[in-house]
Amino acid sequence: MRDVLEILVVDDHLIVREGLKRILQEADGCIVAAEAASVGEALTCLRMRSFDLVLLDISLPEGNGIDLLKIIKGDRPRLPVLVLSAYREDHYAVLALKEGADGYLNKESASDSLIAAIRKVAAGGKYLTPKLAERIALEISVRTDGLPHETLSHREFEVLKMIASGASLKQVGEQLHISPKTVTTYRARIIEKTGLPNNAALTRYMLENNLLD
């Protein structure tokens, strides 16, 4: 690890990137070496140079942060990736960690928590909030696989959210740029994995677990 951590910030909102730059400028030993607003821009930055850490949002154009995380960990498994997302921990934290993220933090967290997370992850550790650490410890202690939605892939969870929000299979396909047949396949997988028999049950589950934005 270098004396100054050179960080790649990947977020599609300019105001968020500017805010992160200000926070990191005030912290000793951290600089934003490059920034990207999409999956494509992030991959270009990663091809051009090395970084000490990637600060990654989940919601991105040209794909999503989970897909980008998989690519990064496939190409550079030792490059630390800290996910900084607007989604609550119960949405994507477990999935992100399973895909190789070194930490997960909500964007509403205080700036000192962000700096602490960056330093821990950059030093080779894992960063979990107390709430997330407690949840994972509880899951291990009771030998459970967690909630049904945690068995879904990122794309399956996206489809589930859209169906639960009232979108038709055609609308889901149009928004995700996939065929209705593919959407039907995803829906079948979701029903099989969650054990929820129909759209009404899927919607009720999402509402009861506060999983809709």
Protein backbone atom coordinates (compact mmCIF):
# COMPACT_ATOMS: atom_id res chain seq x y z
CA MET A 1 0.00 0.00 0.00
CA ARG A 2 1.37 3.39 -0.97
CA ASP A 3 1.76 6.31 1.46
CA VAL A 4 -1.05 8.03 -0.44
CA LEU A 5 -4.01 5.89 -1.43
CA GLU A 6 -4.93 6.47 -5.05
CA ILE A 7 -8.63 5.80 -5.41
CA LEU A 8 -10.90 5.24 -8.40
CA VAL A 9 -14.40 6.58 -7.69
CA VAL A 10 -17.16 4.98 -9.77
CA ASP A 11 -20.52 6.75 -9.45
CA ASP A 12 -22.89 8.12 -12.07
CA HIS A 13 -23.82 11.24 -10.08
CA LEU A 14 -21.43 14.18 -10.44
CA ILE A 15 -22.55 15.72 -7.15
CA VAL A 16 -21.69 12.50 -5.32
CA ARG A 17 -18.25 12.30 -6.93
CA GLU A 18 -17.55 15.94 -6.05
CA GLY A 19 -18.64 15.32 -2.47
CA LEU A 20 -16.40 12.28 -2.18
CA LYS A 21 -13.45 14.24 -3.55
CA ARG A 22 -13.94 16.93 -0.91
CA ILE A 23 -14.16 14.35 1.88
CA LEU A 24 -11.03 12.53 0.70
CA GLN A 25 -9.09 15.76 0.20
CA GLU A 26 -9.61 16.51 3.89
CA ALA A 27 -8.37 13.06 4.90
CA ASP A 28 -4.66 12.42 5.21
CA GLY A 29 -3.25 9.97 2.70
CA CYS A 30 -6.24 9.69 0.32
CA ILE A 31 -6.73 11.16 -3.15
CA VAL A 32 -9.20 10.59 -5.97
CA ALA A 33 -6.83 9.60 -8.77
CA ALA A 34 -9.61 9.08 -11.32
CA GLU A 35 -13.39 9.01 -11.54
CA ALA A 36 -15.88 7.22 -13.76
CA ALA A 37 -19.60 7.63 -14.33
CA SER A 38 -20.32 4.27 -15.95
CA VAL A 39 -19.12 0.69 -16.20
CA GLY A 40 -17.39 1.46 -19.52
CA GLU A 41 -15.54 4.49 -18.14
CA ALA A 42 -14.45 2.49 -15.10
CA LEU A 43 -13.04 -0.31 -17.24
CA THR A 44 -11.16 2.23 -19.35
CA CYS A 45 -9.60 3.73 -16.21
CA LEU A 46 -8.61 0.31 -14.94
CA ARG A 47 -6.96 -0.56 -18.24
CA MET A 48 -4.96 2.67 -18.27
CA ARG A 49 -3.42 2.55 -14.80
CA SER A 50 -3.38 0.92 -11.38
CA PHE A 51 -5.19 2.03 -8.25
CA ASP A 52 -5.00 1.22 -4.55
CA LEU A 53 -8.77 0.97 -4.11
CA VAL A 54 -12.04 1.24 -6.02
CA LEU A 55 -14.97 3.06 -4.43
CA LEU A 56 -17.95 1.60 -6.26
CA ASP A 57 -21.64 2.45 -6.58
CA ILE A 58 -24.12 -0.28 -7.53
CA SER A 59 -26.50 1.65 -9.78
CA LEU A 60 -24.57 2.52 -12.95
CA PRO A 61 -25.21 3.03 -16.69
CA GLU A 62 -24.06 0.33 -19.12
CA GLY A 63 -24.57 -2.40 -16.55
CA ASN A 64 -24.34 -2.31 -12.78
CA GLY A 65 -21.82 -2.25 -9.99
CA ILE A 66 -22.19 -5.93 -9.15
CA ASP A 67 -21.28 -6.89 -12.72
CA LEU A 68 -18.32 -4.51 -12.62
CA LEU A 69 -17.28 -5.95 -9.26
CA LYS A 70 -17.17 -9.43 -10.79
CA ILE A 71 -14.97 -8.17 -13.64
CA ILE A 72 -12.59 -6.37 -11.29
CA LYS A 73 -12.22 -9.35 -8.98
CA GLY A 74 -11.76 -11.65 -11.97
CA ASP A 75 -8.96 -9.53 -13.43
CA ARG A 76 -7.43 -8.10 -10.25
CA PRO A 77 -8.50 -10.19 -7.27
CA ARG A 78 -6.21 -8.31 -4.89
CA LEU A 79 -7.56 -4.86 -5.77
CA PRO A 80 -9.71 -3.73 -2.82
CA VAL A 81 -13.27 -2.72 -3.70
CA LEU A 82 -15.46 -0.84 -1.25
CA VAL A 83 -19.11 -0.65 -2.29
CA LEU A 84 -20.72 2.69 -1.40
CA SER A 85 -24.39 2.49 -2.25
CA ALA A 86 -27.68 4.29 -1.71
CA TYR A 87 -29.26 0.86 -1.20
CA ARG A 88 -29.69 -0.31 2.37
CA GLU A 89 -27.57 -3.18 3.57
CA ASP A 90 -30.48 -5.62 3.38
CA HIS A 91 -30.72 -4.99 -0.37
CA TYR A 92 -27.28 -5.78 -1.71
CA ALA A 93 -24.67 -6.07 1.04
CA VAL A 94 -24.62 -9.86 1.32
CA LEU A 95 -24.67 -10.25 -2.47
CA ALA A 96 -21.82 -7.75 -2.90
CA LEU A 97 -19.73 -9.54 -0.29
CA LYS A 98 -20.39 -12.91 -1.92
CA GLU A 99 -19.17 -11.46 -5.23
CA GLY A 100 -15.90 -10.32 -3.68
CA ALA A 101 -16.51 -6.83 -2.27
CA ASP A 102 -14.16 -5.98 0.59
CA GLY A 103 -16.70 -3.80 2.34
CA TYR A 104 -20.16 -2.27 2.04
CA LEU A 105 -21.28 1.15 3.22
CA ASN A 106 -24.47 3.12 2.78
CA LYS A 107 -24.15 6.62 1.30
CA GLU A 108 -25.92 8.04 4.34
CA SER A 109 -22.99 7.02 6.54
CA ALA A 110 -20.86 9.68 8.18
CA SER A 111 -17.65 10.79 6.46
CA ASP A 112 -15.47 9.44 9.26
CA SER A 113 -17.03 6.00 8.73
CA LEU A 114 -16.14 6.24 5.04
CA ILE A 115 -12.52 7.10 5.78
CA ALA A 116 -12.29 4.30 8.34
CA ALA A 117 -13.74 1.85 5.81
CA ILE A 118 -11.34 2.96 3.08
CA ARG A 119 -8.29 2.59 5.31
CA LYS A 120 -9.32 -0.82 6.62
CA VAL A 121 -10.10 -2.21 3.18
CA ALA A 122 -6.93 -0.73 1.65
CA ALA A 123 -4.89 -2.40 4.40
CA GLY A 124 -6.28 -5.80 3.39
CA GLY A 125 -9.15 -6.05 5.84
CA LYS A 126 -12.89 -6.34 5.44
CA TYR A 127 -15.24 -3.54 6.46
CA LEU A 128 -18.67 -4.35 7.83
CA THR A 129 -20.91 -2.03 9.80
CA PRO A 130 -21.86 -3.38 13.24
CA LYS A 131 -25.38 -4.02 11.95
CA LEU A 132 -24.17 -6.07 8.98
CA ALA A 133 -21.56 -7.93 11.04
CA GLU A 134 -24.22 -8.88 13.58
CA ARG A 135 -26.54 -10.10 10.87
CA ILE A 136 -23.87 -12.26 9.23
CA ALA A 137 -22.81 -13.66 12.61
CA LEU A 138 -26.43 -14.53 13.41
CA GLU A 139 -26.85 -16.28 10.07
CA ILE A 140 -23.74 -18.37 10.71
CA SER A 141 -24.71 -19.21 14.29
CA VAL A 142 -28.15 -20.51 13.31
CA ARG A 143 -26.79 -22.23 10.16
CA THR A 144 -29.29 -20.56 7.91
CA ASP A 145 -29.05 -19.60 4.25
CA GLY A 146 -30.63 -16.21 5.00
CA LEU A 147 -33.74 -14.69 3.48
CA PRO A 148 -35.09 -16.09 0.20
CA HIS A 149 -34.13 -13.04 -1.88
CA GLU A 150 -30.46 -13.46 -0.87
CA THR A 151 -30.30 -16.61 -3.01
CA LEU A 152 -31.03 -14.55 -6.16
CA SER A 153 -28.50 -13.20 -8.61
CA HIS A 154 -28.32 -9.45 -9.11
CA ARG A 155 -30.32 -9.62 -12.35
CA GLU A 156 -32.94 -11.90 -10.78
CA PHE A 157 -33.33 -9.45 -7.91
CA GLU A 158 -33.75 -6.59 -10.41
CA VAL A 159 -36.51 -8.52 -12.19
CA LEU A 160 -38.14 -9.33 -8.85
CA LYS A 161 -38.19 -5.66 -7.85
CA MET A 162 -39.77 -4.63 -11.14
CA ILE A 163 -42.41 -7.35 -11.03
CA ALA A 164 -43.24 -6.46 -7.42
CA SER A 165 -43.54 -2.80 -8.47
CA GLY A 166 -46.26 -3.75 -10.96
CA ALA A 167 -44.30 -3.90 -14.23
CA SER A 168 -45.45 -6.35 -16.86
CA LEU A 169 -43.06 -8.92 -18.30
CA LYS A 170 -42.91 -6.86 -21.49
CA GLN A 171 -42.05 -3.69 -19.54
CA VAL A 172 -39.36 -5.52 -17.59
CA GLY A 173 -37.83 -6.78 -20.83
CA GLU A 174 -37.87 -3.33 -22.42
CA GLN A 175 -36.20 -1.70 -19.43
CA LEU A 176 -33.53 -4.38 -19.04
CA HIS A 177 -33.06 -4.83 -22.81
CA ILE A 178 -33.89 -8.53 -22.74
CA SER A 179 -36.60 -10.57 -24.46
CA PRO A 180 -39.94 -11.38 -22.77
CA LYS A 181 -38.95 -15.05 -22.99
CA THR A 182 -35.82 -14.31 -20.96
CA VAL A 183 -37.88 -12.39 -18.42
CA THR A 184 -40.18 -15.40 -18.12
CA THR A 185 -37.14 -17.58 -17.46
CA TYR A 186 -35.93 -15.20 -14.75
CA ARG A 187 -39.39 -15.18 -13.16
CA ALA A 188 -39.44 -18.98 -13.10
CA ARG A 189 -36.03 -19.04 -11.40
CA ILE A 190 -37.18 -16.45 -8.84
CA ILE A 191 -40.27 -18.50 -7.98
CA GLU A 192 -38.17 -21.67 -7.71
CA LYS A 193 -35.49 -20.10 -5.50
CA THR A 194 -37.81 -18.15 -3.20
CA GLY A 195 -40.66 -20.64 -3.01
CA LEU A 196 -43.14 -17.81 -3.60
CA PRO A 197 -45.79 -19.12 -6.02
CA ASN A 198 -47.02 -16.03 -7.90
CA ASN A 199 -46.64 -12.28 -8.47
CA ALA A 200 -48.93 -11.42 -5.56
CA ALA A 201 -46.79 -13.45 -3.17
CA LEU A 202 -43.61 -11.90 -4.59
CA THR A 203 -45.02 -8.40 -4.12
CA ARG A 204 -46.17 -9.14 -0.57
CA TYR A 205 -42.73 -10.51 0.32
CA MET A 206 -40.95 -7.43 -1.03
CA LEU A 207 -43.27 -5.08 0.86
CA GLU A 208 -43.05 -7.00 4.13
CA ASN A 209 -39.24 -6.94 3.96
CA ASN A 210 -39.01 -3.28 2.86
CA LEU A 211 -37.12 -4.25 -0.30
CA LEU A 212 -38.82 -1.84 -2.69
CA ASP A 213 -37.20 1.58 -3.18
